[in-house]
Amino acid sequence: MDAKLFYLLSLILFFTIALIYVNDSKEPFKSNIIVKEIMNGNAFKVLANGKNFKLSRKCPHQGCNVDWDSNTNKFVCPCHKSMFDVNGKVLQGPATTNMKLL
């Protein structure tokens, strides 16, 4: 195999592997997010992007206890599937208001 063909095949292989890696990474530059249940499981303590705050665990839709999904970095209500970002902002209804900041 001559040098030019080898070089071309090497570049193709490199970019193929790079694309696979980037596509498989959900968030390659994701910041550290730490969410802990506090107050007997009635609230969350959130450490994210240099911020430290507390959120009520009650879903603003009908009061179910929201869970933290560390795979998607979202709060999810198991009752009606409302979703909230790490700051408690509503992403998907039926909830129409954000989680309560404590």
Protein backbone atom coordinates (compact mmCIF):
# COMPACT_ATOMS: atom_id res chain seq x y z
CA MET A 1 0.00 0.00 0.00
CA ASP A 2 1.47 3.35 -0.92
CA ALA A 3 1.87 6.18 1.61
CA LYS A 4 -0.89 8.42 0.18
CA LEU A 5 -3.53 5.68 0.38
CA PHE A 6 -2.42 4.75 3.90
CA TYR A 7 -2.64 8.40 4.97
CA LEU A 8 -6.12 8.79 3.45
CA LEU A 9 -7.43 5.61 5.11
CA SER A 10 -5.95 6.71 8.44
CA LEU A 11 -7.77 10.06 8.22
CA ILE A 12 -11.06 8.36 7.37
CA LEU A 13 -10.68 5.99 10.31
CA PHE A 14 -9.77 8.83 12.69
CA PHE A 15 -12.79 10.96 11.76
CA THR A 16 -15.13 7.98 11.86
CA ILE A 17 -14.04 7.17 15.42
CA ALA A 18 -14.28 10.85 16.41
CA LEU A 19 -17.84 11.11 15.07
CA ILE A 20 -18.89 7.94 16.88
CA TYR A 21 -17.45 9.28 20.14
CA VAL A 22 -19.16 12.68 19.84
CA ASN A 23 -22.51 11.13 18.92
CA ASP A 24 -22.35 8.64 21.80
CA SER A 25 -21.52 11.36 24.31
CA LYS A 26 -24.73 12.81 25.67
CA GLU A 27 -23.02 15.97 26.87
CA PRO A 28 -19.24 15.80 26.43
CA PHE A 29 -18.70 19.12 28.21
CA LYS A 30 -21.37 18.68 30.89
CA SER A 31 -20.69 20.48 34.16
CA ASN A 32 -20.84 18.73 37.50
CA ILE A 33 -24.35 18.47 38.88
CA ILE A 34 -25.02 17.09 42.34
CA VAL A 35 -28.60 16.55 43.53
CA LYS A 36 -29.34 15.18 47.00
CA GLU A 37 -32.62 14.57 48.77
CA ILE A 38 -32.94 16.53 52.01
CA MET A 39 -35.58 17.36 54.62
CA ASN A 40 -36.78 13.75 54.99
CA GLY A 41 -37.08 13.36 51.22
CA ASN A 42 -39.32 16.44 50.81
CA ALA A 43 -36.76 18.61 49.00
CA PHE A 44 -33.64 18.52 46.87
CA LYS A 45 -30.33 20.27 47.50
CA VAL A 46 -28.83 21.15 44.11
CA LEU A 47 -25.22 22.05 43.39
CA ALA A 48 -24.93 23.00 39.71
CA ASN A 49 -22.86 25.45 37.69
CA GLY A 50 -21.49 27.12 40.81
CA LYS A 51 -24.97 27.59 42.30
CA ASN A 52 -26.25 26.06 45.52
CA PHE A 53 -30.02 26.04 46.10
CA LYS A 54 -32.96 23.96 47.33
CA LEU A 55 -36.08 22.87 45.45
CA SER A 56 -39.31 21.44 46.78
CA ARG A 57 -39.85 17.85 45.69
CA LYS A 58 -43.58 18.47 45.15
CA CYS A 59 -44.63 18.67 41.51
CA PRO A 60 -46.49 21.94 40.90
CA HIS A 61 -49.05 20.05 38.78
CA GLN A 62 -50.73 17.86 41.42
CA GLY A 63 -48.23 17.49 44.25
CA CYS A 64 -46.61 14.14 43.43
CA ASN A 65 -43.00 13.67 44.53
CA VAL A 66 -40.64 14.46 41.66
CA ASP A 67 -37.59 12.23 41.10
CA TRP A 68 -34.11 13.20 39.84
CA ASP A 69 -32.96 11.34 36.71
CA SER A 70 -29.16 11.53 36.68
CA ASN A 71 -28.98 10.00 33.18
CA THR A 72 -30.82 12.92 31.59
CA ASN A 73 -30.11 15.54 34.29
CA LYS A 74 -33.81 16.28 34.64
CA PHE A 75 -36.41 16.14 37.37
CA VAL A 76 -39.28 13.85 36.31
CA CYS A 77 -42.70 13.49 37.88
CA PRO A 78 -43.67 9.80 37.89
CA CYS A 79 -47.41 10.58 38.01
CA HIS A 80 -47.96 12.55 34.81
CA LYS A 81 -44.43 12.76 33.31
CA SER A 82 -43.83 16.49 33.76
CA MET A 83 -40.13 17.30 33.33
CA PHE A 84 -38.01 20.06 34.83
CA ASP A 85 -34.41 21.15 34.23
CA VAL A 86 -31.76 21.20 36.96
CA ASN A 87 -32.98 24.67 38.04
CA GLY A 88 -36.58 23.45 38.41
CA LYS A 89 -37.81 25.17 35.23
CA VAL A 90 -40.67 23.30 33.56
CA LEU A 91 -39.59 21.62 30.30
CA GLN A 92 -42.62 19.43 29.60
CA GLY A 93 -46.16 19.48 30.96
CA PRO A 94 -48.79 18.94 32.13
CA ALA A 95 -47.13 21.13 34.78
CA THR A 96 -47.26 24.81 33.77
CA THR A 97 -45.22 26.32 36.59
CA ASN A 98 -41.67 25.74 37.80
CA MET A 99 -40.69 23.72 40.85
CA LYS A 100 -40.78 25.78 44.05
CA LEU A 101 -37.46 27.29 45.14
CA LEU A 102 -36.96 27.00 48.91
